[in-house]
Amino acid sequence: MPISGLVITFRSSVSEHFETIETLRRVPEIDIGLADGSKLAIVVDSASKYRDQEIWHMVQQLPGVVELAVAMVAFDDGNSPAD
């Protein structure tokens, strides 16, 4: 399971992109993080690498998005370490 920490850069202040933020909120694999100026942090926790790539592509195509930067990517195999 890929988990990605991403930073979206908008054309202008995040607060001016209400509809795009609402679109992000409707994607169950996305958690919205902190916003600062034109940047918004999100976490994508998807079931597969393919779904992760689908979400990345969708985010890049949203109105007002000018850049999508990767802050972190990790892969969770779903197994907990033995105690």
N, C-alpha and C. Protein backbone atom coordinates (compact mmCIF):
# COMPACT_ATOMS: atom_id res chain seq x y z
N MET A 1 0.84 -1.18 0.00
CA MET A 1 0.00 0.00 0.00
C MET A 1 0.89 1.24 0.00
N PRO A 2 0.88 2.00 -1.07
CA PRO A 2 1.67 3.24 -1.10
C PRO A 2 1.03 4.34 -0.24
N ILE A 3 1.88 5.04 0.45
CA ILE A 3 1.47 6.22 1.22
C ILE A 3 2.36 7.36 0.75
N SER A 4 1.74 8.42 0.25
CA SER A 4 2.49 9.54 -0.33
C SER A 4 2.18 10.83 0.39
N GLY A 5 3.22 11.55 0.77
CA GLY A 5 3.08 12.90 1.28
C GLY A 5 3.38 13.85 0.14
N LEU A 6 2.41 14.66 -0.24
CA LEU A 6 2.55 15.53 -1.41
C LEU A 6 2.26 16.98 -1.04
N VAL A 7 2.84 17.89 -1.81
CA VAL A 7 2.56 19.31 -1.63
C VAL A 7 2.03 19.85 -2.96
N ILE A 8 0.82 20.37 -2.91
CA ILE A 8 0.19 20.98 -4.08
C ILE A 8 0.49 22.46 -4.05
N THR A 9 0.94 23.00 -5.18
CA THR A 9 1.10 24.44 -5.32
C THR A 9 0.02 24.94 -6.26
N PHE A 10 -0.75 25.91 -5.77
CA PHE A 10 -1.82 26.52 -6.55
C PHE A 10 -1.34 27.80 -7.22
N ARG A 11 -2.06 28.23 -8.21
CA ARG A 11 -1.78 29.46 -8.94
C ARG A 11 -1.82 30.68 -8.02
N SER A 12 -2.67 30.61 -6.99
CA SER A 12 -2.82 31.70 -6.03
C SER A 12 -3.08 31.08 -4.66
N SER A 13 -3.47 31.88 -3.70
CA SER A 13 -3.71 31.40 -2.34
C SER A 13 -4.66 30.20 -2.32
N VAL A 14 -4.36 29.23 -1.46
CA VAL A 14 -5.19 28.04 -1.31
C VAL A 14 -6.65 28.42 -1.05
N SER A 15 -6.87 29.46 -0.26
CA SER A 15 -8.23 29.87 0.10
C SER A 15 -9.07 30.28 -1.10
N GLU A 16 -8.44 30.57 -2.22
CA GLU A 16 -9.15 30.96 -3.44
C GLU A 16 -9.58 29.76 -4.29
N HIS A 17 -9.27 28.54 -3.83
CA HIS A 17 -9.53 27.34 -4.64
C HIS A 17 -10.46 26.38 -3.90
N PHE A 18 -11.56 26.94 -3.41
CA PHE A 18 -12.53 26.17 -2.62
C PHE A 18 -13.04 24.93 -3.36
N GLU A 19 -13.43 25.08 -4.61
CA GLU A 19 -14.00 23.96 -5.37
C GLU A 19 -12.97 22.84 -5.55
N THR A 20 -11.74 23.19 -5.81
CA THR A 20 -10.69 22.18 -5.97
C THR A 20 -10.44 21.46 -4.66
N ILE A 21 -10.43 22.18 -3.55
CA ILE A 21 -10.25 21.56 -2.23
C ILE A 21 -11.42 20.61 -1.94
N GLU A 22 -12.63 21.01 -2.28
CA GLU A 22 -13.79 20.14 -2.08
C GLU A 22 -13.67 18.87 -2.93
N THR A 23 -13.15 18.98 -4.12
CA THR A 23 -12.92 17.80 -4.96
C THR A 23 -11.94 16.86 -4.28
N LEU A 24 -10.88 17.41 -3.72
CA LEU A 24 -9.89 16.60 -3.00
C LEU A 24 -10.53 15.90 -1.80
N ARG A 25 -11.38 16.60 -1.08
CA ARG A 25 -12.04 16.03 0.10
C ARG A 25 -12.94 14.83 -0.24
N ARG A 26 -13.43 14.79 -1.47
CA ARG A 26 -14.32 13.69 -1.89
C ARG A 26 -13.56 12.42 -2.26
N VAL A 27 -12.25 12.49 -2.34
CA VAL A 27 -11.44 11.31 -2.66
C VAL A 27 -11.08 10.62 -1.35
N PRO A 28 -11.60 9.41 -1.12
CA PRO A 28 -11.43 8.77 0.18
C PRO A 28 -9.97 8.49 0.56
N GLU A 29 -9.10 8.36 -0.41
CA GLU A 29 -7.68 8.06 -0.13
C GLU A 29 -6.87 9.30 0.23
N ILE A 30 -7.47 10.49 0.14
CA ILE A 30 -6.73 11.74 0.39
C ILE A 30 -7.10 12.32 1.75
N ASP A 31 -6.08 12.66 2.53
CA ASP A 31 -6.24 13.44 3.76
C ASP A 31 -5.62 14.81 3.51
N ILE A 32 -6.39 15.85 3.80
CA ILE A 32 -5.93 17.23 3.62
C ILE A 32 -5.12 17.65 4.84
N GLY A 33 -3.96 18.24 4.57
CA GLY A 33 -3.11 18.71 5.65
C GLY A 33 -3.14 20.23 5.76
N LEU A 34 -2.03 20.77 6.18
CA LEU A 34 -1.90 22.21 6.40
C LEU A 34 -1.74 22.97 5.09
N ALA A 35 -2.25 24.20 5.09
CA ALA A 35 -2.11 25.10 3.96
C ALA A 35 -1.28 26.30 4.39
N ASP A 36 -0.46 26.80 3.47
CA ASP A 36 0.35 27.99 3.73
C ASP A 36 0.52 28.73 2.42
N GLY A 37 -0.12 29.87 2.31
CA GLY A 37 -0.04 30.65 1.07
C GLY A 37 -0.67 29.90 -0.07
N SER A 38 0.13 29.57 -1.08
CA SER A 38 -0.37 28.85 -2.24
C SER A 38 -0.09 27.35 -2.17
N LYS A 39 0.39 26.88 -1.03
CA LYS A 39 0.76 25.46 -0.89
C LYS A 39 -0.18 24.73 0.06
N LEU A 40 -0.48 23.48 -0.30
CA LEU A 40 -1.35 22.63 0.50
C LEU A 40 -0.73 21.25 0.60
N ALA A 41 -0.58 20.75 1.82
CA ALA A 41 -0.06 19.41 2.04
C ALA A 41 -1.21 18.41 2.02
N ILE A 42 -0.98 17.27 1.36
CA ILE A 42 -1.96 16.18 1.37
C ILE A 42 -1.23 14.86 1.58
N VAL A 43 -1.96 13.87 2.08
CA VAL A 43 -1.45 12.52 2.19
C VAL A 43 -2.38 11.62 1.38
N VAL A 44 -1.78 10.79 0.55
CA VAL A 44 -2.54 9.83 -0.25
C VAL A 44 -2.18 8.43 0.25
N ASP A 45 -3.18 7.71 0.73
CA ASP A 45 -3.00 6.35 1.25
C ASP A 45 -3.90 5.44 0.42
N SER A 46 -3.32 4.82 -0.59
CA SER A 46 -4.10 4.05 -1.55
C SER A 46 -3.81 2.55 -1.46
N ALA A 47 -4.67 1.77 -2.08
CA ALA A 47 -4.57 0.31 -2.01
C ALA A 47 -3.54 -0.27 -2.97
N SER A 48 -3.16 0.49 -4.00
CA SER A 48 -2.21 -0.03 -4.98
C SER A 48 -1.38 1.09 -5.59
N LYS A 49 -0.28 0.71 -6.18
CA LYS A 49 0.58 1.66 -6.88
C LYS A 49 -0.19 2.30 -8.05
N TYR A 50 -0.99 1.49 -8.74
CA TYR A 50 -1.79 2.00 -9.86
C TYR A 50 -2.77 3.08 -9.39
N ARG A 51 -3.48 2.81 -8.30
CA ARG A 51 -4.45 3.79 -7.77
C ARG A 51 -3.71 5.05 -7.32
N ASP A 52 -2.55 4.89 -6.72
CA ASP A 52 -1.75 6.03 -6.29
C ASP A 52 -1.43 6.93 -7.49
N GLN A 53 -1.01 6.32 -8.59
CA GLN A 53 -0.69 7.08 -9.79
C GLN A 53 -1.92 7.76 -10.38
N GLU A 54 -3.05 7.07 -10.33
CA GLU A 54 -4.32 7.67 -10.80
C GLU A 54 -4.63 8.94 -10.03
N ILE A 55 -4.48 8.88 -8.71
CA ILE A 55 -4.78 10.04 -7.86
C ILE A 55 -3.81 11.17 -8.16
N TRP A 56 -2.53 10.86 -8.26
CA TRP A 56 -1.54 11.90 -8.58
C TRP A 56 -1.92 12.61 -9.87
N HIS A 57 -2.24 11.84 -10.89
CA HIS A 57 -2.59 12.43 -12.19
C HIS A 57 -3.84 13.30 -12.07
N MET A 58 -4.85 12.81 -11.35
CA MET A 58 -6.08 13.57 -11.17
C MET A 58 -5.81 14.90 -10.47
N VAL A 59 -4.99 14.87 -9.43
CA VAL A 59 -4.67 16.09 -8.68
C VAL A 59 -3.97 17.10 -9.60
N GLN A 60 -3.04 16.63 -10.41
CA GLN A 60 -2.31 17.52 -11.30
C GLN A 60 -3.23 18.21 -12.31
N GLN A 61 -4.35 17.59 -12.63
CA GLN A 61 -5.28 18.14 -13.63
C GLN A 61 -6.33 19.07 -13.04
N LEU A 62 -6.39 19.19 -11.72
CA LEU A 62 -7.41 20.01 -11.08
C LEU A 62 -7.20 21.50 -11.37
N PRO A 63 -8.29 22.26 -11.44
CA PRO A 63 -8.18 23.70 -11.69
C PRO A 63 -7.34 24.41 -10.63
N GLY A 64 -6.43 25.25 -11.09
CA GLY A 64 -5.61 26.05 -10.20
C GLY A 64 -4.31 25.40 -9.77
N VAL A 65 -4.15 24.09 -9.99
CA VAL A 65 -2.94 23.38 -9.57
C VAL A 65 -1.84 23.65 -10.60
N VAL A 66 -0.69 24.14 -10.13
CA VAL A 66 0.43 24.40 -11.04
C VAL A 66 1.59 23.43 -10.81
N GLU A 67 1.61 22.79 -9.63
CA GLU A 67 2.70 21.85 -9.35
C GLU A 67 2.26 20.86 -8.28
N LEU A 68 2.77 19.64 -8.39
CA LEU A 68 2.56 18.62 -7.38
C LEU A 68 3.93 18.07 -7.04
N ALA A 69 4.39 18.34 -5.82
CA ALA A 69 5.73 17.92 -5.39
C ALA A 69 5.62 16.77 -4.40
N VAL A 70 6.55 15.84 -4.51
CA VAL A 70 6.59 14.68 -3.62
C VAL A 70 7.46 15.02 -2.42
N ALA A 71 6.87 14.90 -1.24
CA ALA A 71 7.64 15.11 -0.01
C ALA A 71 8.12 13.77 0.56
N MET A 72 7.30 12.70 0.36
CA MET A 72 7.63 11.40 0.91
C MET A 72 6.77 10.33 0.25
N VAL A 73 7.35 9.16 0.01
CA VAL A 73 6.60 7.99 -0.43
C VAL A 73 7.08 6.79 0.37
N ALA A 74 6.14 6.03 0.90
CA ALA A 74 6.46 4.81 1.64
C ALA A 74 5.52 3.71 1.18
N PHE A 75 5.94 2.49 1.37
CA PHE A 75 5.10 1.34 1.00
C PHE A 75 4.87 0.50 2.23
N ASP A 76 3.59 0.31 2.55
CA ASP A 76 3.18 -0.48 3.69
C ASP A 76 2.68 -1.81 3.15
N ASP A 77 3.32 -2.91 3.54
CA ASP A 77 2.90 -4.21 3.03
C ASP A 77 1.72 -4.79 3.79
N GLY A 78 1.25 -4.06 4.82
CA GLY A 78 0.10 -4.52 5.57
C GLY A 78 0.42 -5.48 6.68
N ASN A 79 1.68 -5.90 6.79
CA ASN A 79 2.07 -6.81 7.86
C ASN A 79 2.66 -6.05 9.02
N SER A 80 2.23 -6.38 10.22
CA SER A 80 2.78 -5.76 11.42
C SER A 80 4.01 -6.54 11.86
N PRO A 81 5.01 -5.86 12.41
CA PRO A 81 6.18 -6.58 12.90
C PRO A 81 5.79 -7.51 14.06
N ALA A 82 6.47 -8.61 14.15
CA ALA A 82 6.19 -9.58 15.23
C ALA A 82 6.63 -9.02 16.57
N ASP A 83 5.85 -9.27 17.60
CA ASP A 83 6.20 -8.80 18.94
C ASP A 83 7.16 -9.74 19.60
